[in-house]
Amino acid sequence: MKIEKVGVSSAALVFGGIFAVLGAIGGFLEGISGMFELSFKIGIIQGLGVGVLETIMLIVMYAVIGLIVGLIVGAICAWAFNHSSRLFGGIEITVKE
């Protein structure tokens, strides 16, 4: 079996989805660490309140940025693969049924 062509839009959507999930995880981790840092600086209650808002904003922001970047990177990678597979013959894979 040989992969000779990849759909640009489908690859872009897959990359976008992966990057969005990774961005959301990164935003969550950064928000949680910021929450604890703020708790020590301005007090536990205020720090947790501001930290929760910051965490939500970071999750959404990182996921949206990850989606946009993933769409662009996925489209570029699929386009590059399609053009290079004409020169080099694609990728051979073995599938066990």
C-alpha atoms as a PDB file:
ATOM      1  CA  MET A   1       0.000   0.000   0.000  1.00  0.00           C
ATOM      2  CA  LYS A   2       1.213   3.458  -0.804  1.00  0.00           C
ATOM      3  CA  ILE A   3       0.106   6.924   0.292  1.00  0.00           C
ATOM      4  CA  GLU A   4       0.491   9.132  -2.744  1.00  0.00           C
ATOM      5  CA  LYS A   5      -1.784  12.068  -1.944  1.00  0.00           C
ATOM      6  CA  VAL A   6      -3.133  13.680   1.205  1.00  0.00           C
ATOM      7  CA  GLY A   7      -6.205  15.892   1.249  1.00  0.00           C
ATOM      8  CA  VAL A   8      -5.058  19.397   2.151  1.00  0.00           C
ATOM      9  CA  SER A   9      -8.259  20.367   3.949  1.00  0.00           C
ATOM     10  CA  SER A  10      -8.517  17.111   5.901  1.00  0.00           C
ATOM     11  CA  ALA A  11      -4.853  17.299   6.966  1.00  0.00           C
ATOM     12  CA  ALA A  12      -5.325  20.926   7.984  1.00  0.00           C
ATOM     13  CA  LEU A  13      -8.349  20.000  10.121  1.00  0.00           C
ATOM     14  CA  VAL A  14      -6.498  17.132  11.805  1.00  0.00           C
ATOM     15  CA  PHE A  15      -3.466  19.310  12.554  1.00  0.00           C
ATOM     16  CA  GLY A  16      -5.756  22.112  13.736  1.00  0.00           C
ATOM     17  CA  GLY A  17      -7.592  19.779  16.097  1.00  0.00           C
ATOM     18  CA  ILE A  18      -4.373  18.363  17.518  1.00  0.00           C
ATOM     19  CA  PHE A  19      -2.843  21.810  18.028  1.00  0.00           C
ATOM     20  CA  ALA A  20      -6.081  23.103  19.612  1.00  0.00           C
ATOM     21  CA  VAL A  21      -6.110  20.270  22.159  1.00  0.00           C
ATOM     22  CA  LEU A  22      -2.406  20.730  22.934  1.00  0.00           C
ATOM     23  CA  GLY A  23      -2.958  24.478  23.263  1.00  0.00           C
ATOM     24  CA  ALA A  24      -5.864  23.968  25.650  1.00  0.00           C
ATOM     25  CA  ILE A  25      -3.767  21.628  27.804  1.00  0.00           C
ATOM     26  CA  GLY A  26      -0.901  24.130  27.804  1.00  0.00           C
ATOM     27  CA  GLY A  27      -3.271  26.972  28.686  1.00  0.00           C
ATOM     28  CA  PHE A  28      -4.726  24.942  31.543  1.00  0.00           C
ATOM     29  CA  LEU A  29      -1.310  24.117  32.985  1.00  0.00           C
ATOM     30  CA  GLU A  30      -0.082  27.694  32.658  1.00  0.00           C
ATOM     31  CA  GLY A  31      -3.293  29.041  34.190  1.00  0.00           C
ATOM     32  CA  ILE A  32      -3.108  26.681  37.165  1.00  0.00           C
ATOM     33  CA  SER A  33       0.518  27.614  37.868  1.00  0.00           C
ATOM     34  CA  GLY A  34      -0.408  31.310  37.580  1.00  0.00           C
ATOM     35  CA  MET A  35      -3.304  30.764  39.973  1.00  0.00           C
ATOM     36  CA  PHE A  36      -1.026  29.443  42.690  1.00  0.00           C
ATOM     37  CA  GLU A  37       1.484  32.214  42.089  1.00  0.00           C
ATOM     38  CA  LEU A  38      -1.236  34.867  42.420  1.00  0.00           C
ATOM     39  CA  SER A  39      -2.556  33.186  45.572  1.00  0.00           C
ATOM     40  CA  PHE A  40       0.767  33.777  47.278  1.00  0.00           C
ATOM     41  CA  LYS A  41       1.074  37.366  46.025  1.00  0.00           C
ATOM     42  CA  ILE A  42      -2.400  38.856  46.582  1.00  0.00           C
ATOM     43  CA  GLY A  43      -4.089  36.384  48.906  1.00  0.00           C
ATOM     44  CA  ILE A  44      -5.760  33.038  48.550  1.00  0.00           C
ATOM     45  CA  ILE A  45      -9.331  34.105  47.722  1.00  0.00           C
ATOM     46  CA  GLN A  46      -8.420  36.915  45.312  1.00  0.00           C
ATOM     47  CA  GLY A  47      -5.657  34.834  43.747  1.00  0.00           C
ATOM     48  CA  LEU A  48      -7.959  31.897  43.120  1.00  0.00           C
ATOM     49  CA  GLY A  49     -10.664  34.149  41.654  1.00  0.00           C
ATOM     50  CA  VAL A  50      -8.308  35.917  39.285  1.00  0.00           C
ATOM     51  CA  GLY A  51      -6.519  32.629  38.593  1.00  0.00           C
ATOM     52  CA  VAL A  52      -9.715  30.862  37.511  1.00  0.00           C
ATOM     53  CA  LEU A  53     -10.508  33.673  35.064  1.00  0.00           C
ATOM     54  CA  GLU A  54      -6.930  33.637  33.793  1.00  0.00           C
ATOM     55  CA  THR A  55      -7.048  29.861  33.361  1.00  0.00           C
ATOM     56  CA  ILE A  56     -10.260  30.017  31.335  1.00  0.00           C
ATOM     57  CA  MET A  57      -8.892  32.832  29.159  1.00  0.00           C
ATOM     58  CA  LEU A  58      -5.607  30.988  28.552  1.00  0.00           C
ATOM     59  CA  ILE A  59      -7.362  27.738  27.653  1.00  0.00           C
ATOM     60  CA  VAL A  60      -9.574  29.481  25.088  1.00  0.00           C
ATOM     61  CA  MET A  61      -6.789  31.700  23.736  1.00  0.00           C
ATOM     62  CA  TYR A  62      -4.256  28.880  23.382  1.00  0.00           C
ATOM     63  CA  ALA A  63      -6.850  26.561  21.800  1.00  0.00           C
ATOM     64  CA  VAL A  64      -7.858  29.190  19.213  1.00  0.00           C
ATOM     65  CA  ILE A  65      -4.230  30.040  18.416  1.00  0.00           C
ATOM     66  CA  GLY A  66      -3.428  26.312  18.204  1.00  0.00           C
ATOM     67  CA  LEU A  67      -6.341  25.781  15.821  1.00  0.00           C
ATOM     68  CA  ILE A  68      -5.243  28.614  13.540  1.00  0.00           C
ATOM     69  CA  VAL A  69      -1.590  27.564  13.539  1.00  0.00           C
ATOM     70  CA  GLY A  70      -2.560  23.914  13.082  1.00  0.00           C
ATOM     71  CA  LEU A  71      -4.733  24.715  10.084  1.00  0.00           C
ATOM     72  CA  ILE A  72      -1.888  26.630   8.456  1.00  0.00           C
ATOM     73  CA  VAL A  73       0.779  24.037   9.283  1.00  0.00           C
ATOM     74  CA  GLY A  74      -1.463  21.143   8.233  1.00  0.00           C
ATOM     75  CA  ALA A  75      -2.239  22.732   4.890  1.00  0.00           C
ATOM     76  CA  ILE A  76       1.427  23.509   4.223  1.00  0.00           C
ATOM     77  CA  CYS A  77       2.528  19.980   5.203  1.00  0.00           C
ATOM     78  CA  ALA A  78      -0.139  18.312   3.056  1.00  0.00           C
ATOM     79  CA  TRP A  79       0.706  20.542   0.088  1.00  0.00           C
ATOM     80  CA  ALA A  80       4.434  19.826   0.512  1.00  0.00           C
ATOM     81  CA  PHE A  81       3.787  16.080   0.817  1.00  0.00           C
ATOM     82  CA  ASN A  82       1.639  16.012  -2.317  1.00  0.00           C
ATOM     83  CA  HIS A  83       4.297  17.783  -4.351  1.00  0.00           C
ATOM     84  CA  SER A  84       7.236  15.785  -2.997  1.00  0.00           C
ATOM     85  CA  SER A  85       5.429  12.459  -3.434  1.00  0.00           C
ATOM     86  CA  ARG A  86       5.362  13.110  -7.179  1.00  0.00           C
ATOM     87  CA  LEU A  87       9.161  13.187  -7.119  1.00  0.00           C
ATOM     88  CA  PHE A  88       9.822  10.411  -4.621  1.00  0.00           C
ATOM     89  CA  GLY A  89       6.811   8.127  -5.024  1.00  0.00           C
ATOM     90  CA  GLY A  90       4.944   8.548  -1.763  1.00  0.00           C
ATOM     91  CA  ILE A  91       5.143   6.558   1.468  1.00  0.00           C
ATOM     92  CA  GLU A  92       4.844   2.793   1.548  1.00  0.00           C
ATOM     93  CA  ILE A  93       2.910   1.338   4.452  1.00  0.00           C
ATOM     94  CA  THR A  94       2.087  -2.204   5.480  1.00  0.00           C
ATOM     95  CA  VAL A  95      -1.403  -2.873   6.792  1.00  0.00           C
ATOM     96  CA  LYS A  96      -2.360  -6.034   8.598  1.00  0.00           C
ATOM     97  CA  GLU A  97      -6.029  -6.973   8.262  1.00  0.00           C
END
